[in-house]
Each structure stands twice: as structure tokens, then as C-alpha cells.
Protein backbone atom coordinates (compact mmCIF):
# COMPACT_ATOMS: atom_id res chain seq x y z
CA MET A 1 -0.73 -19.68 5.05
CA LYS A 2 -1.16 -16.15 6.28
CA THR A 3 -4.57 -14.99 7.44
CA GLU A 4 -6.19 -12.12 5.56
CA ASN A 5 -5.58 -9.65 8.41
CA VAL A 6 -1.91 -10.64 8.74
CA ARG A 7 -1.44 -10.31 4.97
CA TYR A 8 -3.04 -6.85 5.05
CA GLN A 9 -1.04 -5.62 8.05
CA GLN A 10 2.28 -6.95 6.68
CA GLY A 11 1.45 -5.56 3.24
CA LEU A 12 0.55 -2.13 4.59
CA ALA A 13 3.78 -2.02 6.60
CA LYS A 14 5.83 -3.03 3.56
CA LEU A 15 4.02 -0.53 1.31
CA ASN A 16 4.80 2.24 3.79
CA GLU A 17 8.43 1.14 4.06
CA ILE A 18 8.91 1.22 0.29
CA ASP A 19 6.59 3.87 -1.07
CA GLY A 20 5.67 5.94 1.97
CA GLU A 21 3.26 8.74 1.18
CA ALA A 22 3.06 7.89 -2.54
CA GLY A 23 1.75 4.40 -1.78
CA GLU A 24 -0.73 5.76 0.73
CA LYS A 25 -2.06 8.20 -1.90
CA VAL A 26 -2.66 5.37 -4.39
CA ILE A 27 -4.55 3.31 -1.82
CA ALA A 28 -6.55 6.33 -0.64
CA ALA A 29 -7.50 7.23 -4.22
CA LEU A 30 -9.04 3.77 -4.68
CA GLN A 31 -11.15 3.79 -1.50
CA ASP A 32 -14.20 5.53 -2.95
CA ILE A 33 -14.33 3.54 -6.19
CA ALA A 34 -12.66 0.18 -5.61
CA PRO A 35 -11.73 -0.51 -1.98
CA ASP A 36 -11.35 -4.21 -2.73
CA LEU A 37 -8.69 -3.44 -5.35
CA ALA A 38 -6.85 -1.30 -2.78
CA ARG A 39 -6.96 -4.24 -0.35
CA TYR A 40 -5.73 -6.67 -3.02
CA VAL A 41 -2.80 -4.36 -3.86
CA ILE A 42 -1.82 -4.27 -0.19
CA GLU A 43 -2.31 -8.01 0.45
CA PHE A 44 -0.84 -9.69 -2.63
CA PRO A 45 2.12 -7.71 -3.97
CA PHE A 46 3.15 -6.13 -0.68
CA GLY A 47 1.84 -8.66 1.87
CA ASP A 48 2.71 -11.85 0.00
CA ILE A 49 5.43 -11.09 -2.58
CA TYR A 50 7.48 -8.25 -1.14
CA THR A 51 7.72 -10.01 2.25
CA ARG A 52 9.16 -13.22 0.80
CA PRO A 53 12.73 -14.16 1.57
CA GLY A 54 15.25 -14.50 -1.26
CA LEU A 55 15.47 -10.91 -2.53
CA ASP A 56 16.11 -7.74 -0.62
CA LEU A 57 13.90 -4.71 -1.21
CA LYS A 58 16.50 -3.00 -3.40
CA SER A 59 16.57 -6.00 -5.75
CA ARG A 60 12.77 -6.20 -5.81
CA GLU A 61 12.48 -2.51 -6.69
CA ILE A 62 15.11 -2.77 -9.44
CA ALA A 63 13.12 -5.66 -10.93
CA THR A 64 9.89 -3.70 -10.61
CA VAL A 65 11.38 -0.61 -12.28
CA ALA A 66 12.63 -2.82 -15.11
CA ALA A 67 9.25 -4.54 -15.55
CA LEU A 68 7.23 -1.32 -15.48
CA THR A 69 9.66 0.30 -17.93
CA ALA A 70 9.36 -2.71 -20.24
CA LEU A 71 5.55 -2.46 -20.18
CA GLY A 72 5.88 1.03 -21.61
CA ASN A 73 2.40 2.09 -20.56
CA ALA A 74 2.59 2.32 -16.78
CA ALA A 75 4.21 5.69 -16.14
CA PRO A 76 2.27 6.52 -12.93
CA GLN A 77 3.18 3.16 -11.37
CA LEU A 78 6.76 3.45 -12.65
CA LYS A 79 7.14 6.85 -10.95
CA VAL A 80 5.87 5.41 -7.65
CA HIS A 81 8.36 2.56 -7.89
CA ILE A 82 11.24 4.83 -8.86
CA HIS A 83 10.51 6.72 -5.67
CA GLY A 84 10.36 3.36 -3.88
CA ALA A 85 13.67 2.25 -5.38
CA LEU A 86 15.33 5.42 -4.15
CA ASN A 87 13.70 4.98 -0.74
CA VAL A 88 15.22 1.50 -0.30
CA GLY A 89 18.74 2.41 -1.37
CA CYS A 90 18.95 2.44 -5.15
CA THR A 91 20.92 5.28 -6.64
CA GLU A 92 19.83 7.45 -9.50
CA THR A 93 22.65 5.91 -11.55
CA GLU A 94 21.35 2.39 -10.91
CA ILE A 95 17.86 3.40 -11.96
CA VAL A 96 19.12 5.08 -15.12
CA GLU A 97 21.17 1.99 -15.98
CA VAL A 98 18.30 -0.45 -15.52
CA ILE A 99 16.04 1.74 -17.66
CA MET A 100 18.73 1.96 -20.35
CA GLN A 101 19.06 -1.84 -20.34
CA MET A 102 15.35 -2.09 -21.08
CA ALA A 103 16.03 -0.47 -24.47
CA VAL A 104 17.57 -3.81 -25.45
CA TYR A 105 14.64 -5.93 -24.30
CA ALA A 106 11.61 -3.64 -24.53
CA GLY A 107 12.67 -1.16 -27.23
CA PHE A 108 13.70 2.44 -27.32
CA PRO A 109 10.18 3.93 -26.92
CA ALA A 110 9.66 2.08 -23.62
CA ALA A 111 13.12 3.04 -22.39
CA LEU A 112 12.62 6.67 -23.39
CA ASN A 113 9.28 6.80 -21.58
CA GLY A 114 10.93 5.23 -18.53
CA MET A 115 13.80 7.69 -18.63
CA PHE A 116 11.45 10.66 -18.78
CA ALA A 117 9.55 9.25 -15.79
CA ALA A 118 12.83 8.91 -13.90
CA LYS A 119 13.81 12.45 -14.85
CA GLU A 120 10.55 13.75 -13.37
CA VAL A 121 11.00 11.79 -10.17
CA PHE A 122 14.63 12.91 -9.74
CA ALA A 123 13.62 16.54 -10.27
CA GLU A 124 10.69 16.24 -7.85
CA ARG A 125 12.96 14.83 -5.14
CA GLN A 126 15.45 17.70 -5.60
CA LYS A 127 12.82 20.29 -4.61
């Protein structure tokens, strides 16, 4: 079992590897209202889950983009993870395809919302 400090340090390193500045902004935005939530986000998803063997970061980000698209109500988080997916080697085509596939499982409204989030991210990265 990892100690709390190891979980935090590994999580912070993984967050920076995947999300870079976008991840840092999310954590910083929580510091004045819910620093414990910021710590939990670093320790559990990034320190415990993202560091597990079995899936590479590209696969984890594709799964995360699919899940957030399927939720249909997590556009800010979806945008962060679309950036993350691109940062770890996903192509725009792969992201578009996974979002399109969510139309089958989550419905057209969720897929449309996801596609518009992707469109914003792609445009932002072209600047």
C-alpha cells in the first residue's frame, strides 16, 4: 500500500504528464475552497488509478473521454481530458471516433455535446 505522500507525489507527476497546465489550474482553483478535494483528485485517480499497470496512458485517456462524453454533463472535465488525450498521443481522429461511438451507447445529445467540446479543444490548440 502506498503512503499518502507517495500517492500524492506520484499523482501530481502523472497529472502533470497528462494534463500539464490544465490540470494544475483545476487543482489551484480548488485550493481556496476545497483543498482536500484537490488532494483526493491527485491521490486517487492520478496517484492510484492512472499509475496502475495494464493500460497505457493513451488507452486510459480514450476510456476517460468516452466516459465523460457518455455522462453528457461534464464538459469542463471532458475538455481537460481531450487535451490530456492529445498530450499522450491520441489523434484528433481517434477522439472524434470515440465520441461518435458514444452516440450508440449514450445517445446523440451526449455525443453532440462531446463533439462540440472536442471542436473547442481542437480550435484552442491550433492557436
